[in-house]
Amino acid sequence: MKLISLLDQLAAAPATTATPRRALLQHLGRAAVAALPLAAALPAAASTNDTAYDALTQLLLLERLQLAFYTRALAVPGLIPTAQTADFQRLRTHQEQHVTFLTQALQGAGSLVPALPAFDFSGRRRVASNPELFPNVLSDYDAFLALAQQLEDLGVRLYKTHAFAVVNDLQLTLAVLRLHPVEAQHSAHVRGLRRGRGVVVENWPSDSDAAITRPAAAQILTTAATGGEENILQYQTPGKPIVFSDFLLIRDNTAIHDSALPEAFDEPVNSAIAQAALNLFF
């Protein structure tokens, strides 16, 4: 698919050169130099604070996870078919760009950049006696695609959630909003690849998608990736729902009835649920 190549310029967030260090520190909402990395500061069940620092460090963790996943998968001979190798190389490049941008944003504010975790994509969290939650994801292409889809779906939701945490800094806001559709295109692309292999799945989270079966201990990833996406009630203003049966009228005054209309709205994800899902991998 050539569509993914159109994302290359969009994927690279603008450099943060215009924001003064003192102003950005203020916008981050905490004494950034003394702040702990998100993974170290919070146990798996804890909730994050709605600050820009928490937002950027959680997004950085997500991007590092995706980057490591694609890097390892591309290093396994024969795992990714030749026809799709260039696509996943491009996706990996996008994740590299995102990691670089988020790291530089934190460094430019004088904030502590969390240490890079040692990721374990089996879900055993580097303990051999733990059960394997994600078997064969680096040896079976279909298992790899299923996990890639969930990580990309989670990325779309997490960027939507955290875009509001950086609104005091225009440059960061524009960058986060610029990265959000890149994650959405990644998700759609991976979903399209799975559909091409016979999986019942739309290009967006849909009730018609075939379920990805996970052990109970890994169910939090499914919840984080698509839990709540079944919601079809959206609001124009508080208390005033969008009536999709009256949406997008055509010239003969006949409404378009399409379940894809309410499904087209991305749902945010609770940051604590997202963190619990990310914690499965380190």
C-alpha atoms as a PDB file:
ATOM      1  CA  MET A   1       0.000   0.000   0.000  1.00  0.00           C
ATOM      2  CA  LYS A   2       1.392   3.345  -1.055  1.00  0.00           C
ATOM      3  CA  LEU A   3      -0.850   5.417   1.224  1.00  0.00           C
ATOM      4  CA  ILE A   4       1.525   5.035   4.155  1.00  0.00           C
ATOM      5  CA  SER A   5       4.272   6.862   2.243  1.00  0.00           C
ATOM      6  CA  LEU A   6       2.173  10.038   2.372  1.00  0.00           C
ATOM      7  CA  LEU A   7       2.726  10.178   6.120  1.00  0.00           C
ATOM      8  CA  ASP A   8       6.473  10.729   6.007  1.00  0.00           C
ATOM      9  CA  GLN A   9       6.386  14.522   6.160  1.00  0.00           C
ATOM     10  CA  LEU A  10       3.431  14.591   8.550  1.00  0.00           C
ATOM     11  CA  ALA A  11       5.130  12.136  10.909  1.00  0.00           C
ATOM     12  CA  ALA A  12       8.045  14.435  11.682  1.00  0.00           C
ATOM     13  CA  ALA A  13       6.923  16.861  14.368  1.00  0.00           C
ATOM     14  CA  PRO A  14       8.334  20.399  14.194  1.00  0.00           C
ATOM     15  CA  ALA A  15      11.355  21.180  16.327  1.00  0.00           C
ATOM     16  CA  THR A  16      10.662  22.941  19.608  1.00  0.00           C
ATOM     17  CA  THR A  17      12.907  25.950  19.172  1.00  0.00           C
ATOM     18  CA  ALA A  18      10.509  28.799  19.902  1.00  0.00           C
ATOM     19  CA  THR A  19       9.417  27.938  23.431  1.00  0.00           C
ATOM     20  CA  PRO A  20      11.561  29.524  26.158  1.00  0.00           C
ATOM     21  CA  ARG A  21      12.799  27.052  28.744  1.00  0.00           C
ATOM     22  CA  ARG A  22      11.215  28.907  31.674  1.00  0.00           C
ATOM     23  CA  ALA A  23       7.837  29.148  29.961  1.00  0.00           C
ATOM     24  CA  LEU A  24       7.817  25.477  29.029  1.00  0.00           C
ATOM     25  CA  LEU A  25       8.767  24.497  32.576  1.00  0.00           C
ATOM     26  CA  GLN A  26       5.777  26.444  33.799  1.00  0.00           C
ATOM     27  CA  HIS A  27       3.548  24.733  31.260  1.00  0.00           C
ATOM     28  CA  LEU A  28       4.749  21.290  32.304  1.00  0.00           C
ATOM     29  CA  GLY A  29       3.012  21.905  35.578  1.00  0.00           C
ATOM     30  CA  ARG A  30       5.537  20.521  38.084  1.00  0.00           C
ATOM     31  CA  ALA A  31       9.100  20.921  39.275  1.00  0.00           C
ATOM     32  CA  ALA A  32      10.288  19.046  36.225  1.00  0.00           C
ATOM     33  CA  VAL A  33      13.909  18.615  37.175  1.00  0.00           C
ATOM     34  CA  ALA A  34      12.909  16.830  40.360  1.00  0.00           C
ATOM     35  CA  ALA A  35      10.104  14.814  38.782  1.00  0.00           C
ATOM     36  CA  LEU A  36      10.406  11.044  38.650  1.00  0.00           C
ATOM     37  CA  PRO A  37       9.939   9.082  35.415  1.00  0.00           C
ATOM     38  CA  LEU A  38       6.342   7.983  35.024  1.00  0.00           C
ATOM     39  CA  ALA A  39       7.137   4.280  35.133  1.00  0.00           C
ATOM     40  CA  ALA A  40       9.167   4.688  38.322  1.00  0.00           C
ATOM     41  CA  ALA A  41       6.806   7.103  40.039  1.00  0.00           C
ATOM     42  CA  LEU A  42       3.670   5.014  39.631  1.00  0.00           C
ATOM     43  CA  PRO A  43       2.802   1.407  40.419  1.00  0.00           C
ATOM     44  CA  ALA A  44       0.863  -0.425  37.718  1.00  0.00           C
ATOM     45  CA  ALA A  45      -2.538   0.340  39.249  1.00  0.00           C
ATOM     46  CA  ALA A  46      -1.934   4.011  39.980  1.00  0.00           C
ATOM     47  CA  SER A  47      -3.445   6.828  37.978  1.00  0.00           C
ATOM     48  CA  THR A  48      -1.405   9.537  36.309  1.00  0.00           C
ATOM     49  CA  ASN A  49      -1.774  13.229  36.986  1.00  0.00           C
ATOM     50  CA  ASP A  50      -3.160  15.332  34.168  1.00  0.00           C
ATOM     51  CA  THR A  51      -0.024  17.359  33.608  1.00  0.00           C
ATOM     52  CA  ALA A  52       1.949  17.938  30.453  1.00  0.00           C
ATOM     53  CA  TYR A  53       4.943  16.137  31.957  1.00  0.00           C
ATOM     54  CA  ASP A  54       2.899  13.006  32.606  1.00  0.00           C
ATOM     55  CA  ALA A  55       1.389  13.268  29.138  1.00  0.00           C
ATOM     56  CA  LEU A  56       4.718  13.595  27.338  1.00  0.00           C
ATOM     57  CA  THR A  57       6.434  10.845  29.314  1.00  0.00           C
ATOM     58  CA  GLN A  58       3.562   8.421  28.754  1.00  0.00           C
ATOM     59  CA  LEU A  59       3.509   9.194  25.037  1.00  0.00           C
ATOM     60  CA  LEU A  60       7.288   8.725  24.962  1.00  0.00           C
ATOM     61  CA  LEU A  61       6.895   5.308  26.601  1.00  0.00           C
ATOM     62  CA  LEU A  62       4.313   4.320  23.990  1.00  0.00           C
ATOM     63  CA  GLU A  63       6.505   5.484  21.100  1.00  0.00           C
ATOM     64  CA  ARG A  64       9.570   3.718  22.516  1.00  0.00           C
ATOM     65  CA  LEU A  65       7.515   0.535  22.840  1.00  0.00           C
ATOM     66  CA  GLN A  66       6.305   0.717  19.251  1.00  0.00           C
ATOM     67  CA  LEU A  67       9.795   1.532  18.001  1.00  0.00           C
ATOM     68  CA  ALA A  68      11.320  -1.424  19.846  1.00  0.00           C
ATOM     69  CA  PHE A  69       8.577  -3.743  18.583  1.00  0.00           C
ATOM     70  CA  TYR A  70       9.065  -2.860  14.928  1.00  0.00           C
ATOM     71  CA  THR A  71      12.848  -2.855  15.258  1.00  0.00           C
ATOM     72  CA  ARG A  72      12.889  -6.370  16.702  1.00  0.00           C
ATOM     73  CA  ALA A  73      10.335  -7.669  14.225  1.00  0.00           C
ATOM     74  CA  LEU A  74      12.302  -6.318  11.258  1.00  0.00           C
ATOM     75  CA  ALA A  75      15.422  -8.035  12.602  1.00  0.00           C
ATOM     76  CA  VAL A  76      13.756 -11.477  12.519  1.00  0.00           C
ATOM     77  CA  PRO A  77      14.483 -13.072   9.127  1.00  0.00           C
ATOM     78  CA  GLY A  78      11.303 -13.975   7.276  1.00  0.00           C
ATOM     79  CA  LEU A  79       8.845 -12.714   9.897  1.00  0.00           C
ATOM     80  CA  ILE A  80       7.538  -9.804   7.820  1.00  0.00           C
ATOM     81  CA  PRO A  81       6.806 -10.659   4.171  1.00  0.00           C
ATOM     82  CA  THR A  82       9.034  -8.954   1.658  1.00  0.00           C
ATOM     83  CA  ALA A  83       6.081  -7.041   0.196  1.00  0.00           C
ATOM     84  CA  GLN A  84       5.442  -5.371   3.572  1.00  0.00           C
ATOM     85  CA  THR A  85       9.015  -4.889   4.763  1.00  0.00           C
ATOM     86  CA  ALA A  86       9.312  -1.360   3.401  1.00  0.00           C
ATOM     87  CA  ASP A  87       6.016  -0.378   5.042  1.00  0.00           C
ATOM     88  CA  PHE A  88       7.168  -1.460   8.491  1.00  0.00           C
ATOM     89  CA  GLN A  89      10.549   0.161   7.943  1.00  0.00           C
ATOM     90  CA  ARG A  90       8.661   3.380   7.285  1.00  0.00           C
ATOM     91  CA  LEU A  91       6.477   2.907  10.355  1.00  0.00           C
ATOM     92  CA  ARG A  92       9.629   2.365  12.398  1.00  0.00           C
ATOM     93  CA  THR A  93      11.096   5.579  10.997  1.00  0.00           C
ATOM     94  CA  HIS A  94       7.980   7.454  12.078  1.00  0.00           C
ATOM     95  CA  GLN A  95       8.316   6.060  15.609  1.00  0.00           C
ATOM     96  CA  GLU A  96      11.978   7.114  15.667  1.00  0.00           C
ATOM     97  CA  GLN A  97      10.953  10.641  14.720  1.00  0.00           C
ATOM     98  CA  HIS A  98       8.296  10.716  17.423  1.00  0.00           C
ATOM     99  CA  VAL A  99      10.703   9.433  20.078  1.00  0.00           C
ATOM    100  CA  THR A 100      13.252  12.077  19.080  1.00  0.00           C
ATOM    101  CA  PHE A 101      10.693  14.879  19.210  1.00  0.00           C
ATOM    102  CA  LEU A 102       9.227  13.920  22.599  1.00  0.00           C
ATOM    103  CA  THR A 103      12.714  13.437  24.072  1.00  0.00           C
ATOM    104  CA  GLN A 104      13.842  16.842  22.821  1.00  0.00           C
ATOM    105  CA  ALA A 105      10.666  18.482  24.158  1.00  0.00           C
ATOM    106  CA  LEU A 106      11.387  17.130  27.631  1.00  0.00           C
ATOM    107  CA  GLN A 107      15.097  17.965  27.470  1.00  0.00           C
ATOM    108  CA  GLY A 108      14.366  21.467  26.218  1.00  0.00           C
ATOM    109  CA  ALA A 109      12.238  22.047  29.300  1.00  0.00           C
ATOM    110  CA  GLY A 110      14.968  20.835  31.618  1.00  0.00           C
ATOM    111  CA  SER A 111      12.804  17.837  32.511  1.00  0.00           C
ATOM    112  CA  LEU A 112      14.077  14.426  33.480  1.00  0.00           C
ATOM    113  CA  VAL A 113      13.727  11.988  30.577  1.00  0.00           C
ATOM    114  CA  PRO A 114      12.707   8.545  31.864  1.00  0.00           C
ATOM    115  CA  ALA A 115      15.193   5.726  31.398  1.00  0.00           C
ATOM    116  CA  LEU A 116      14.553   3.435  28.450  1.00  0.00           C
ATOM    117  CA  PRO A 117      12.842   0.265  29.728  1.00  0.00           C
ATOM    118  CA  ALA A 118      13.964  -3.213  28.714  1.00  0.00           C
ATOM    119  CA  PHE A 119      10.876  -4.313  26.764  1.00  0.00           C
ATOM    120  CA  ASP A 120       9.674  -7.916  26.772  1.00  0.00           C
ATOM    121  CA  PHE A 121       7.029  -8.555  24.109  1.00  0.00           C
ATOM    122  CA  SER A 122       6.165 -11.997  25.449  1.00  0.00           C
ATOM    123  CA  GLY A 123       4.397 -10.393  28.402  1.00  0.00           C
ATOM    124  CA  ARG A 124       6.544 -12.338  30.841  1.00  0.00           C
ATOM    125  CA  ARG A 125       8.182  -9.098  31.985  1.00  0.00           C
ATOM    126  CA  ARG A 126      11.608 -10.755  31.769  1.00  0.00           C
ATOM    127  CA  VAL A 127      10.679 -13.442  34.332  1.00  0.00           C
ATOM    128  CA  ALA A 128      10.894 -16.887  32.730  1.00  0.00           C
ATOM    129  CA  SER A 129       8.420 -18.445  35.169  1.00  0.00           C
ATOM    130  CA  ASN A 130       5.687 -15.926  34.312  1.00  0.00           C
ATOM    131  CA  PRO A 131       3.030 -17.010  31.795  1.00  0.00           C
ATOM    132  CA  GLU A 132       3.514 -15.935  28.194  1.00  0.00           C
ATOM    133  CA  LEU A 133       0.774 -13.411  27.489  1.00  0.00           C
ATOM    134  CA  PHE A 134       1.653 -12.656  23.855  1.00  0.00           C
ATOM    135  CA  PRO A 135       2.948 -15.893  22.303  1.00  0.00           C
ATOM    136  CA  ASN A 136       4.712 -15.955  18.949  1.00  0.00           C
ATOM    137  CA  VAL A 137       4.493 -12.221  18.281  1.00  0.00           C
ATOM    138  CA  LEU A 138       8.088 -12.243  17.018  1.00  0.00           C
ATOM    139  CA  SER A 139       7.853 -15.536  15.162  1.00  0.00           C
ATOM    140  CA  ASP A 140       4.359 -15.603  13.605  1.00  0.00           C
ATOM    141  CA  TYR A 141       3.321 -12.793  11.266  1.00  0.00           C
ATOM    142  CA  ASP A 142      -0.382 -12.933  12.137  1.00  0.00           C
ATOM    143  CA  ALA A 143       0.386 -12.764  15.867  1.00  0.00           C
ATOM    144  CA  PHE A 144       2.744  -9.868  15.162  1.00  0.00           C
ATOM    145  CA  LEU A 145       0.055  -7.989  13.225  1.00  0.00           C
ATOM    146  CA  ALA A 146      -2.543  -8.540  15.947  1.00  0.00           C
ATOM    147  CA  LEU A 147      -0.278  -7.008  18.590  1.00  0.00           C
ATOM    148  CA  ALA A 148       0.793  -4.207  16.229  1.00  0.00           C
ATOM    149  CA  GLN A 149      -2.875  -3.352  15.680  1.00  0.00           C
ATOM    150  CA  GLN A 150      -3.573  -3.125  19.395  1.00  0.00           C
ATOM    151  CA  LEU A 151      -0.506  -0.986  20.066  1.00  0.00           C
ATOM    152  CA  GLU A 152      -1.409   1.378  17.218  1.00  0.00           C
ATOM    153  CA  ASP A 153      -5.064   1.535  18.314  1.00  0.00           C
ATOM    154  CA  LEU A 154      -3.847   2.422  21.803  1.00  0.00           C
ATOM    155  CA  GLY A 155      -1.592   5.109  20.315  1.00  0.00           C
ATOM    156  CA  VAL A 156      -4.514   6.813  18.591  1.00  0.00           C
ATOM    157  CA  ARG A 157      -6.497   6.939  21.816  1.00  0.00           C
ATOM    158  CA  LEU A 158      -3.581   8.049  23.971  1.00  0.00           C
ATOM    159  CA  TYR A 159      -2.706  10.999  21.720  1.00  0.00           C
ATOM    160  CA  LYS A 160      -6.367  12.050  21.767  1.00  0.00           C
ATOM    161  CA  THR A 161      -6.354  11.867  25.563  1.00  0.00           C
ATOM    162  CA  HIS A 162      -3.142  13.812  26.100  1.00  0.00           C
ATOM    163  CA  ALA A 163      -3.631  16.519  23.483  1.00  0.00           C
ATOM    164  CA  PHE A 164      -5.551  18.476  26.129  1.00  0.00           C
ATOM    165  CA  ALA A 165      -2.699  18.272  28.659  1.00  0.00           C
ATOM    166  CA  VAL A 166      -0.402  20.499  26.597  1.00  0.00           C
ATOM    167  CA  VAL A 167      -2.855  23.206  25.508  1.00  0.00           C
ATOM    168  CA  ASN A 168      -0.898  25.893  27.361  1.00  0.00           C
ATOM    169  CA  ASP A 169       1.918  25.479  24.845  1.00  0.00           C
ATOM    170  CA  LEU A 170       0.822  26.110  21.263  1.00  0.00           C
ATOM    171  CA  GLN A 171       3.849  24.460  19.686  1.00  0.00           C
ATOM    172  CA  LEU A 172       3.470  21.278  21.708  1.00  0.00           C
ATOM    173  CA  THR A 173      -0.268  21.224  21.049  1.00  0.00           C
ATOM    174  CA  LEU A 174       0.226  21.496  17.293  1.00  0.00           C
ATOM    175  CA  ALA A 175       2.898  18.800  17.364  1.00  0.00           C
ATOM    176  CA  VAL A 176       0.761  16.367  19.368  1.00  0.00           C
ATOM    177  CA  LEU A 177      -2.204  17.002  17.082  1.00  0.00           C
ATOM    178  CA  ARG A 178       0.099  16.392  14.136  1.00  0.00           C
ATOM    179  CA  LEU A 179       1.276  13.054  15.505  1.00  0.00           C
ATOM    180  CA  HIS A 180      -2.240  11.860  16.340  1.00  0.00           C
ATOM    181  CA  PRO A 181      -3.363  11.282  12.706  1.00  0.00           C
ATOM    182  CA  VAL A 182      -0.074   9.504  11.968  1.00  0.00           C
ATOM    183  CA  GLU A 183      -0.927   6.959  14.657  1.00  0.00           C
ATOM    184  CA  ALA A 184      -4.420   6.677  13.153  1.00  0.00           C
ATOM    185  CA  GLN A 185      -2.997   5.978   9.704  1.00  0.00           C
ATOM    186  CA  HIS A 186      -0.646   3.374  11.178  1.00  0.00           C
ATOM    187  CA  SER A 187      -3.627   1.695  12.828  1.00  0.00           C
ATOM    188  CA  ALA A 188      -5.648   1.731   9.614  1.00  0.00           C
ATOM    189  CA  HIS A 189      -2.715   0.360   7.629  1.00  0.00           C
ATOM    190  CA  VAL A 190      -2.077  -2.536  10.003  1.00  0.00           C
ATOM    191  CA  ARG A 191      -5.787  -3.297  10.112  1.00  0.00           C
ATOM    192  CA  GLY A 192      -5.845  -3.355   6.319  1.00  0.00           C
ATOM    193  CA  LEU A 193      -2.953  -5.807   6.271  1.00  0.00           C
ATOM    194  CA  ARG A 194      -4.824  -8.094   8.667  1.00  0.00           C
ATOM    195  CA  ARG A 195      -7.981  -7.906   6.539  1.00  0.00           C
ATOM    196  CA  GLY A 196      -5.890  -8.852   3.526  1.00  0.00           C
ATOM    197  CA  ARG A 197      -4.967 -12.026   5.366  1.00  0.00           C
ATOM    198  CA  GLY A 198      -8.609 -12.977   5.929  1.00  0.00           C
ATOM    199  CA  VAL A 199      -9.241 -11.399   9.340  1.00  0.00           C
ATOM    200  CA  VAL A 200     -12.642  -9.764   9.767  1.00  0.00           C
ATOM    201  CA  VAL A 201     -11.579  -6.247  10.724  1.00  0.00           C
ATOM    202  CA  GLU A 202     -12.378  -2.721   9.583  1.00  0.00           C
ATOM    203  CA  ASN A 203      -9.858   0.079   9.044  1.00  0.00           C
ATOM    204  CA  TRP A 204     -11.117   1.576  12.315  1.00  0.00           C
ATOM    205  CA  PRO A 205     -12.295   0.011  15.619  1.00  0.00           C
ATOM    206  CA  SER A 206     -15.695  -1.489  14.881  1.00  0.00           C
ATOM    207  CA  ASP A 207     -18.209  -3.782  16.548  1.00  0.00           C
ATOM    208  CA  SER A 208     -17.824  -6.043  13.521  1.00  0.00           C
ATOM    209  CA  ASP A 209     -14.106  -6.646  14.205  1.00  0.00           C
ATOM    210  CA  ALA A 210     -13.132 -10.195  15.070  1.00  0.00           C
ATOM    211  CA  ALA A 211     -12.047 -10.316  18.692  1.00  0.00           C
ATOM    212  CA  ILE A 212      -8.354 -10.677  19.504  1.00  0.00           C
ATOM    213  CA  THR A 213      -8.285 -13.379  22.164  1.00  0.00           C
ATOM    214  CA  ARG A 214      -5.905 -12.698  25.044  1.00  0.00           C
ATOM    215  CA  PRO A 215      -5.319 -14.416  28.412  1.00  0.00           C
ATOM    216  CA  ALA A 216      -7.117 -12.764  31.303  1.00  0.00           C
ATOM    217  CA  ALA A 217      -3.866 -11.208  32.538  1.00  0.00           C
ATOM    218  CA  ALA A 218      -3.441  -9.461  29.175  1.00  0.00           C
ATOM    219  CA  GLN A 219      -7.035  -8.323  28.798  1.00  0.00           C
ATOM    220  CA  ILE A 220      -6.095  -4.832  29.968  1.00  0.00           C
ATOM    221  CA  LEU A 221      -4.408  -4.277  26.594  1.00  0.00           C
ATOM    222  CA  THR A 222      -7.654  -5.016  24.756  1.00  0.00           C
ATOM    223  CA  THR A 223      -9.486  -2.675  27.123  1.00  0.00           C
ATOM    224  CA  ALA A 224      -6.902   0.061  26.573  1.00  0.00           C
ATOM    225  CA  ALA A 225      -6.812  -0.397  22.791  1.00  0.00           C
ATOM    226  CA  THR A 226     -10.517  -0.554  22.002  1.00  0.00           C
ATOM    227  CA  GLY A 227     -12.535  -0.641  25.231  1.00  0.00           C
ATOM    228  CA  GLY A 228     -15.287   1.954  24.998  1.00  0.00           C
ATOM    229  CA  GLU A 229     -15.000   2.288  21.225  1.00  0.00           C
ATOM    230  CA  GLU A 230     -18.378   0.578  21.021  1.00  0.00           C
ATOM    231  CA  ASN A 231     -19.891   3.823  22.294  1.00  0.00           C
ATOM    232  CA  ILE A 232     -22.084   5.301  19.580  1.00  0.00           C
ATOM    233  CA  LEU A 233     -23.419   8.236  21.596  1.00  0.00           C
ATOM    234  CA  GLN A 234     -21.506  11.405  20.774  1.00  0.00           C
ATOM    235  CA  TYR A 235     -22.346  14.952  21.808  1.00  0.00           C
ATOM    236  CA  GLN A 236     -22.450  18.221  19.876  1.00  0.00           C
ATOM    237  CA  THR A 237     -22.504  20.144  23.174  1.00  0.00           C
ATOM    238  CA  PRO A 238     -22.922  18.913  26.758  1.00  0.00           C
ATOM    239  CA  GLY A 239     -26.268  17.157  27.000  1.00  0.00           C
ATOM    240  CA  LYS A 240     -27.026  17.456  23.273  1.00  0.00           C
ATOM    241  CA  PRO A 241     -26.227  14.214  21.414  1.00  0.00           C
ATOM    242  CA  ILE A 242     -25.503  14.005  17.711  1.00  0.00           C
ATOM    243  CA  VAL A 243     -28.466  12.372  15.957  1.00  0.00           C
ATOM    244  CA  PHE A 244     -26.694  10.244  13.389  1.00  0.00           C
ATOM    245  CA  SER A 245     -29.947   9.272  11.702  1.00  0.00           C
ATOM    246  CA  ASP A 246     -30.250  12.933  10.654  1.00  0.00           C
ATOM    247  CA  PHE A 247     -26.566  13.322   9.858  1.00  0.00           C
ATOM    248  CA  LEU A 248     -25.197  14.278   6.424  1.00  0.00           C
ATOM    249  CA  LEU A 249     -28.501  14.804   4.610  1.00  0.00           C
ATOM    250  CA  ILE A 250     -28.304  14.507   0.842  1.00  0.00           C
ATOM    251  CA  ARG A 251     -30.143  16.723  -1.612  1.00  0.00           C
ATOM    252  CA  ASP A 252     -33.374  14.697  -1.682  1.00  0.00           C
ATOM    253  CA  ASN A 253     -33.609  15.105   2.094  1.00  0.00           C
ATOM    254  CA  THR A 254     -32.897  11.442   2.780  1.00  0.00           C
ATOM    255  CA  ALA A 255     -30.634  10.719   5.731  1.00  0.00           C
ATOM    256  CA  ILE A 256     -27.549   8.552   5.395  1.00  0.00           C
ATOM    257  CA  HIS A 257     -27.877   5.592   7.745  1.00  0.00           C
ATOM    258  CA  ASP A 258     -24.421   4.166   8.264  1.00  0.00           C
ATOM    259  CA  SER A 259     -23.048   2.580  11.420  1.00  0.00           C
ATOM    260  CA  ALA A 260     -19.582   3.801  10.412  1.00  0.00           C
ATOM    261  CA  LEU A 261     -20.598   7.389  11.246  1.00  0.00           C
ATOM    262  CA  PRO A 262     -20.691   6.971  15.049  1.00  0.00           C
ATOM    263  CA  GLU A 263     -17.797   4.502  14.853  1.00  0.00           C
ATOM    264  CA  ALA A 264     -15.652   7.177  13.211  1.00  0.00           C
ATOM    265  CA  PHE A 265     -15.239   9.014  16.531  1.00  0.00           C
ATOM    266  CA  ASP A 266     -12.107   8.041  18.455  1.00  0.00           C
ATOM    267  CA  GLU A 267     -12.693   7.551  22.156  1.00  0.00           C
ATOM    268  CA  PRO A 268     -10.076   8.744  24.656  1.00  0.00           C
ATOM    269  CA  VAL A 269      -8.546   6.217  27.048  1.00  0.00           C
ATOM    270  CA  ASN A 270      -8.095   6.520  30.793  1.00  0.00           C
ATOM    271  CA  SER A 271      -4.378   7.142  31.298  1.00  0.00           C
ATOM    272  CA  ALA A 272      -4.192   4.696  34.231  1.00  0.00           C
ATOM    273  CA  ILE A 273      -5.646   1.914  32.071  1.00  0.00           C
ATOM    274  CA  ALA A 274      -3.191   2.822  29.314  1.00  0.00           C
ATOM    275  CA  GLN A 275      -0.315   2.699  31.791  1.00  0.00           C
ATOM    276  CA  ALA A 276      -1.378  -0.728  33.064  1.00  0.00           C
ATOM    277  CA  ALA A 277      -1.398  -1.975  29.458  1.00  0.00           C
ATOM    278  CA  LEU A 278       2.058  -0.514  28.747  1.00  0.00           C
ATOM    279  CA  ASN A 279       3.378  -2.074  31.944  1.00  0.00           C
ATOM    280  CA  LEU A 280       2.687  -5.528  30.496  1.00  0.00           C
ATOM    281  CA  PHE A 281       5.798  -5.152  28.347  1.00  0.00           C
ATOM    282  CA  PHE A 282       8.515  -4.284  30.867  1.00  0.00           C
END
